[in-house]
Amino acid sequence: MAQASILTTWGTVHVGRESMGLRVFQEVLTYYESAKAAGKLEDFKVGLCEAGDVGALSGYMVAEGSTAQVQAVLADEAFKRLVAKATHVVSFSMVSCSTGTAIPGSIERLLGVRKELGIT
């Protein structure tokens, strides 16, 4: 079961770069699909928003795997290049997350920090 994930959300493509944005999107899909097929990630999902404020949130991607797998993706030069390309064509956010079997440890850490800070 996955321990970590990369959550990417995006909004509006920069005006005039729509075609470029689609090409970069395809490159990212290919990267993640290849990583999954090679066993470098456990799973990869994409969602495209169809209702609501799609200018602010047009879609999301979740790539899941072990902590080591996710760290390896984040450190991969090809992945870093894709992130650099995306910054030039679309407004997006990318965060690494704990998931699955890592959730209890994350909750323990948060509770410990709250206790240390005197937050009840």
N, C-alpha and C. Protein backbone atom coordinates (compact mmCIF):
# COMPACT_ATOMS: atom_id res chain seq x y z
N MET A 1 0.84 -1.19 0.00
CA MET A 1 0.00 0.00 0.00
C MET A 1 0.88 1.25 0.00
N ALA A 2 0.45 2.26 -0.71
CA ALA A 2 1.20 3.51 -0.85
C ALA A 2 1.40 4.19 0.52
N GLN A 3 2.54 4.85 0.64
CA GLN A 3 2.86 5.62 1.83
C GLN A 3 2.92 7.11 1.54
N ALA A 4 3.09 7.44 0.27
CA ALA A 4 3.31 8.84 -0.11
C ALA A 4 2.66 9.11 -1.46
N SER A 5 2.43 10.37 -1.72
CA SER A 5 1.86 10.75 -3.01
C SER A 5 2.31 12.15 -3.40
N ILE A 6 2.16 12.43 -4.67
CA ILE A 6 2.37 13.77 -5.20
C ILE A 6 1.00 14.22 -5.71
N LEU A 7 0.49 15.28 -5.13
CA LEU A 7 -0.80 15.84 -5.54
C LEU A 7 -0.53 17.11 -6.33
N THR A 8 -0.99 17.12 -7.56
CA THR A 8 -0.84 18.30 -8.42
C THR A 8 -2.23 18.76 -8.82
N THR A 9 -2.49 20.04 -8.63
CA THR A 9 -3.74 20.65 -9.09
C THR A 9 -3.38 21.81 -10.00
N TRP A 10 -4.27 22.10 -10.93
CA TRP A 10 -4.00 23.22 -11.83
C TRP A 10 -5.28 23.96 -12.15
N GLY A 11 -5.05 25.19 -12.61
CA GLY A 11 -6.16 26.06 -12.98
C GLY A 11 -6.03 26.48 -14.43
N THR A 12 -6.12 27.76 -14.63
CA THR A 12 -6.14 28.32 -15.97
C THR A 12 -4.79 28.23 -16.68
N VAL A 13 -4.82 27.84 -17.93
CA VAL A 13 -3.63 27.86 -18.77
C VAL A 13 -3.35 29.32 -19.12
N HIS A 14 -2.07 29.69 -19.15
CA HIS A 14 -1.70 31.05 -19.51
C HIS A 14 -2.19 31.35 -20.94
N VAL A 15 -2.81 32.50 -21.10
CA VAL A 15 -3.37 32.90 -22.39
C VAL A 15 -2.30 32.86 -23.48
N GLY A 16 -2.66 32.25 -24.60
CA GLY A 16 -1.75 32.13 -25.73
C GLY A 16 -0.88 30.88 -25.67
N ARG A 17 -0.96 30.13 -24.58
CA ARG A 17 -0.12 28.94 -24.43
C ARG A 17 -0.96 27.66 -24.29
N GLU A 18 -2.19 27.71 -24.78
CA GLU A 18 -3.10 26.58 -24.64
C GLU A 18 -2.59 25.31 -25.32
N SER A 19 -2.12 25.43 -26.55
CA SER A 19 -1.60 24.26 -27.27
C SER A 19 -0.34 23.73 -26.60
N MET A 20 0.50 24.64 -26.17
CA MET A 20 1.70 24.26 -25.45
C MET A 20 1.33 23.53 -24.16
N GLY A 21 0.30 24.04 -23.48
CA GLY A 21 -0.16 23.42 -22.25
C GLY A 21 -0.62 22.00 -22.46
N LEU A 22 -1.33 21.75 -23.55
CA LEU A 22 -1.78 20.38 -23.85
C LEU A 22 -0.61 19.45 -24.13
N ARG A 23 0.41 19.96 -24.81
CA ARG A 23 1.59 19.14 -25.08
C ARG A 23 2.30 18.77 -23.78
N VAL A 24 2.46 19.74 -22.89
CA VAL A 24 3.11 19.47 -21.60
C VAL A 24 2.27 18.49 -20.79
N PHE A 25 0.95 18.67 -20.81
CA PHE A 25 0.05 17.76 -20.11
C PHE A 25 0.25 16.33 -20.60
N GLN A 26 0.33 16.15 -21.92
CA GLN A 26 0.57 14.83 -22.50
C GLN A 26 1.92 14.26 -22.07
N GLU A 27 2.93 15.11 -22.00
CA GLU A 27 4.25 14.66 -21.55
C GLU A 27 4.20 14.16 -20.11
N VAL A 28 3.48 14.89 -19.26
CA VAL A 28 3.36 14.49 -17.85
C VAL A 28 2.62 13.16 -17.75
N LEU A 29 1.52 13.02 -18.49
CA LEU A 29 0.78 11.76 -18.49
C LEU A 29 1.68 10.60 -18.91
N THR A 30 2.45 10.80 -19.96
CA THR A 30 3.36 9.77 -20.45
C THR A 30 4.40 9.43 -19.38
N TYR A 31 4.95 10.45 -18.73
CA TYR A 31 5.95 10.23 -17.67
C TYR A 31 5.37 9.35 -16.56
N TYR A 32 4.21 9.74 -16.04
CA TYR A 32 3.61 9.00 -14.94
C TYR A 32 3.18 7.59 -15.37
N GLU A 33 2.62 7.45 -16.56
CA GLU A 33 2.22 6.13 -17.04
C GLU A 33 3.43 5.22 -17.18
N SER A 34 4.52 5.75 -17.69
CA SER A 34 5.76 4.97 -17.83
C SER A 34 6.32 4.59 -16.46
N ALA A 35 6.29 5.53 -15.52
CA ALA A 35 6.79 5.25 -14.17
C ALA A 35 5.97 4.15 -13.52
N LYS A 36 4.66 4.19 -13.69
CA LYS A 36 3.80 3.15 -13.13
C LYS A 36 4.09 1.81 -13.80
N ALA A 37 4.18 1.79 -15.12
CA ALA A 37 4.44 0.54 -15.85
C ALA A 37 5.79 -0.07 -15.46
N ALA A 38 6.77 0.78 -15.14
CA ALA A 38 8.10 0.31 -14.77
C ALA A 38 8.20 -0.05 -13.28
N GLY A 39 7.11 0.11 -12.54
CA GLY A 39 7.13 -0.19 -11.11
C GLY A 39 7.77 0.90 -10.27
N LYS A 40 7.93 2.08 -10.84
CA LYS A 40 8.52 3.20 -10.10
C LYS A 40 7.48 3.96 -9.30
N LEU A 41 6.21 3.70 -9.54
CA LEU A 41 5.08 4.23 -8.78
C LEU A 41 4.04 3.13 -8.68
N GLU A 42 3.25 3.15 -7.62
CA GLU A 42 2.19 2.16 -7.46
C GLU A 42 0.97 2.50 -8.30
N ASP A 43 0.61 3.78 -8.33
CA ASP A 43 -0.60 4.17 -9.04
C ASP A 43 -0.52 5.62 -9.48
N PHE A 44 -1.36 5.95 -10.42
CA PHE A 44 -1.42 7.30 -10.97
C PHE A 44 -2.84 7.55 -11.44
N LYS A 45 -3.43 8.66 -11.00
CA LYS A 45 -4.81 9.01 -11.37
C LYS A 45 -4.86 10.47 -11.82
N VAL A 46 -5.80 10.74 -12.72
CA VAL A 46 -6.03 12.10 -13.22
C VAL A 46 -7.52 12.39 -13.14
N GLY A 47 -7.85 13.61 -12.76
CA GLY A 47 -9.24 14.04 -12.79
C GLY A 47 -9.33 15.40 -13.46
N LEU A 48 -10.31 15.56 -14.33
CA LEU A 48 -10.56 16.85 -14.98
C LEU A 48 -11.87 17.39 -14.44
N CYS A 49 -11.84 18.59 -13.93
CA CYS A 49 -13.03 19.20 -13.33
C CYS A 49 -13.99 19.65 -14.43
N GLU A 50 -15.27 19.39 -14.21
CA GLU A 50 -16.28 19.72 -15.22
C GLU A 50 -17.30 20.74 -14.73
N ALA A 51 -17.29 21.04 -13.45
CA ALA A 51 -18.24 22.00 -12.90
C ALA A 51 -17.55 22.77 -11.79
N GLY A 52 -18.13 23.88 -11.42
CA GLY A 52 -17.54 24.71 -10.36
C GLY A 52 -16.61 25.75 -10.95
N ASP A 53 -15.69 26.23 -10.13
CA ASP A 53 -14.75 27.26 -10.55
C ASP A 53 -13.57 26.62 -11.27
N VAL A 54 -13.81 26.17 -12.50
CA VAL A 54 -12.78 25.45 -13.25
C VAL A 54 -11.62 26.35 -13.67
N GLY A 55 -11.76 27.64 -13.56
CA GLY A 55 -10.64 28.54 -13.80
C GLY A 55 -9.62 28.43 -12.69
N ALA A 56 -10.11 28.24 -11.46
CA ALA A 56 -9.22 28.10 -10.31
C ALA A 56 -8.75 26.66 -10.14
N LEU A 57 -9.63 25.70 -10.42
CA LEU A 57 -9.28 24.28 -10.29
C LEU A 57 -9.83 23.54 -11.51
N SER A 58 -8.95 23.29 -12.46
CA SER A 58 -9.35 22.63 -13.70
C SER A 58 -9.13 21.12 -13.65
N GLY A 59 -8.24 20.67 -12.76
CA GLY A 59 -7.99 19.24 -12.67
C GLY A 59 -6.95 18.91 -11.63
N TYR A 60 -6.70 17.61 -11.49
CA TYR A 60 -5.72 17.14 -10.52
C TYR A 60 -5.06 15.86 -11.01
N MET A 61 -3.89 15.59 -10.46
CA MET A 61 -3.18 14.33 -10.67
C MET A 61 -2.71 13.86 -9.30
N VAL A 62 -2.79 12.56 -9.09
CA VAL A 62 -2.26 11.96 -7.86
C VAL A 62 -1.37 10.79 -8.28
N ALA A 63 -0.10 10.88 -7.91
CA ALA A 63 0.84 9.78 -8.15
C ALA A 63 1.18 9.20 -6.78
N GLU A 64 1.00 7.88 -6.63
CA GLU A 64 1.20 7.24 -5.33
C GLU A 64 2.26 6.15 -5.39
N GLY A 65 2.94 5.99 -4.26
CA GLY A 65 3.92 4.93 -4.15
C GLY A 65 4.51 4.89 -2.76
N SER A 66 5.59 4.15 -2.62
CA SER A 66 6.30 4.14 -1.34
C SER A 66 6.97 5.50 -1.18
N THR A 67 7.41 5.78 0.02
CA THR A 67 8.12 7.04 0.26
C THR A 67 9.34 7.12 -0.65
N ALA A 68 10.07 6.02 -0.77
CA ALA A 68 11.27 6.00 -1.62
C ALA A 68 10.92 6.25 -3.09
N GLN A 69 9.84 5.65 -3.56
CA GLN A 69 9.43 5.85 -4.96
C GLN A 69 9.08 7.31 -5.22
N VAL A 70 8.29 7.90 -4.34
CA VAL A 70 7.88 9.29 -4.53
C VAL A 70 9.08 10.23 -4.45
N GLN A 71 9.98 9.98 -3.50
CA GLN A 71 11.18 10.81 -3.40
C GLN A 71 12.04 10.69 -4.66
N ALA A 72 12.11 9.47 -5.22
CA ALA A 72 12.88 9.27 -6.44
C ALA A 72 12.28 10.04 -7.61
N VAL A 73 10.96 10.05 -7.71
CA VAL A 73 10.30 10.82 -8.78
C VAL A 73 10.60 12.31 -8.60
N LEU A 74 10.45 12.80 -7.38
CA LEU A 74 10.69 14.22 -7.12
C LEU A 74 12.14 14.63 -7.42
N ALA A 75 13.07 13.69 -7.29
CA ALA A 75 14.48 13.96 -7.53
C ALA A 75 14.89 13.72 -8.99
N ASP A 76 14.03 13.09 -9.76
CA ASP A 76 14.34 12.74 -11.15
C ASP A 76 14.45 13.99 -12.03
N GLU A 77 15.55 14.09 -12.75
CA GLU A 77 15.79 15.26 -13.60
C GLU A 77 14.70 15.42 -14.67
N ALA A 78 14.23 14.32 -15.24
CA ALA A 78 13.17 14.40 -16.25
C ALA A 78 11.89 14.97 -15.63
N PHE A 79 11.58 14.57 -14.41
CA PHE A 79 10.40 15.10 -13.72
C PHE A 79 10.58 16.59 -13.44
N LYS A 80 11.76 16.97 -12.98
CA LYS A 80 12.03 18.39 -12.70
C LYS A 80 11.87 19.24 -13.96
N ARG A 81 12.28 18.71 -15.09
CA ARG A 81 12.13 19.44 -16.36
C ARG A 81 10.66 19.62 -16.71
N LEU A 82 9.85 18.57 -16.46
CA LEU A 82 8.41 18.69 -16.73
C LEU A 82 7.78 19.74 -15.82
N VAL A 83 8.18 19.78 -14.57
CA VAL A 83 7.67 20.79 -13.65
C VAL A 83 8.06 22.18 -14.14
N ALA A 84 9.30 22.33 -14.59
CA ALA A 84 9.75 23.62 -15.11
C ALA A 84 8.95 24.03 -16.33
N LYS A 85 8.66 23.08 -17.22
CA LYS A 85 7.83 23.39 -18.39
C LYS A 85 6.44 23.83 -17.96
N ALA A 86 5.86 23.10 -17.01
CA ALA A 86 4.49 23.41 -16.57
C ALA A 86 4.39 24.81 -15.98
N THR A 87 5.43 25.26 -15.29
CA THR A 87 5.38 26.60 -14.69
C THR A 87 5.24 27.69 -15.74
N HIS A 88 5.62 27.38 -16.97
CA HIS A 88 5.55 28.37 -18.04
C HIS A 88 4.23 28.36 -18.81
N VAL A 89 3.36 27.37 -18.53
CA VAL A 89 2.14 27.28 -19.32
C VAL A 89 0.84 27.28 -18.50
N VAL A 90 0.92 27.00 -17.19
CA VAL A 90 -0.31 26.87 -16.42
C VAL A 90 -0.06 27.24 -14.95
N SER A 91 -1.09 27.77 -14.32
CA SER A 91 -1.03 27.99 -12.87
C SER A 91 -1.30 26.65 -12.20
N PHE A 92 -0.37 26.21 -11.34
CA PHE A 92 -0.57 24.91 -10.69
C PHE A 92 0.06 24.89 -9.31
N SER A 93 -0.31 23.87 -8.57
CA SER A 93 0.22 23.63 -7.24
C SER A 93 0.62 22.17 -7.15
N MET A 94 1.75 21.90 -6.53
CA MET A 94 2.20 20.52 -6.36
C MET A 94 2.71 20.35 -4.94
N VAL A 95 2.20 19.32 -4.26
CA VAL A 95 2.63 19.03 -2.90
C VAL A 95 2.88 17.54 -2.75
N SER A 96 3.80 17.20 -1.86
CA SER A 96 3.99 15.79 -1.52
C SER A 96 3.16 15.52 -0.26
N CYS A 97 2.57 14.35 -0.20
CA CYS A 97 1.63 14.02 0.87
C CYS A 97 1.94 12.66 1.48
N SER A 98 1.53 12.48 2.72
CA SER A 98 1.51 11.16 3.33
C SER A 98 0.17 10.53 2.98
N THR A 99 0.18 9.22 2.79
CA THR A 99 -1.06 8.53 2.46
C THR A 99 -0.97 7.09 2.96
N GLY A 100 -2.06 6.38 2.89
CA GLY A 100 -2.08 4.96 3.23
C GLY A 100 -1.46 4.64 4.57
N THR A 101 -0.45 3.78 4.55
CA THR A 101 0.17 3.29 5.78
C THR A 101 0.95 4.36 6.53
N ALA A 102 1.24 5.49 5.90
CA ALA A 102 1.98 6.56 6.57
C ALA A 102 1.08 7.51 7.37
N ILE A 103 -0.24 7.40 7.19
CA ILE A 103 -1.16 8.31 7.88
C ILE A 103 -1.05 8.23 9.40
N PRO A 104 -1.04 7.05 10.02
CA PRO A 104 -0.92 7.01 11.48
C PRO A 104 0.33 7.74 12.00
N GLY A 105 1.46 7.58 11.34
CA GLY A 105 2.67 8.28 11.75
C GLY A 105 2.54 9.79 11.61
N SER A 106 1.88 10.24 10.56
CA SER A 106 1.67 11.68 10.36
C SER A 106 0.77 12.25 11.45
N ILE A 107 -0.26 11.51 11.80
CA ILE A 107 -1.17 11.97 12.85
C ILE A 107 -0.44 12.01 14.19
N GLU A 108 0.36 10.98 14.48
CA GLU A 108 1.15 10.96 15.71
C GLU A 108 2.07 12.16 15.79
N ARG A 109 2.74 12.47 14.70
CA ARG A 109 3.65 13.62 14.66
C ARG A 109 2.89 14.92 14.94
N LEU A 110 1.73 15.09 14.30
CA LEU A 110 0.92 16.29 14.51
C LEU A 110 0.46 16.40 15.96
N LEU A 111 0.02 15.30 16.54
CA LEU A 111 -0.40 15.32 17.94
C LEU A 111 0.76 15.65 18.87
N GLY A 112 1.94 15.09 18.57
CA GLY A 112 3.13 15.39 19.37
C GLY A 112 3.51 16.86 19.30
N VAL A 113 3.46 17.42 18.12
CA VAL A 113 3.78 18.85 17.95
C VAL A 113 2.77 19.72 18.67
N ARG A 114 1.50 19.38 18.54
CA ARG A 114 0.45 20.14 19.25
C ARG A 114 0.67 20.10 20.76
N LYS A 115 1.01 18.93 21.26
CA LYS A 115 1.27 18.78 22.70
C LYS A 115 2.48 19.62 23.11
N GLU A 116 3.54 19.54 22.31
CA GLU A 116 4.76 20.31 22.58
C GLU A 116 4.48 21.82 22.60
N LEU A 117 3.59 22.27 21.73
CA LEU A 117 3.26 23.69 21.64
C LEU A 117 2.17 24.12 22.64
N GLY A 118 1.61 23.14 23.33
CA GLY A 118 0.54 23.47 24.29
C GLY A 118 -0.79 23.72 23.65
N ILE A 119 -1.02 23.17 22.46
CA ILE A 119 -2.28 23.34 21.76
C ILE A 119 -3.15 22.14 22.08
N THR A 120 -4.32 22.41 22.62
CA THR A 120 -5.19 21.29 22.96
C THR A 120 -6.29 21.11 21.96
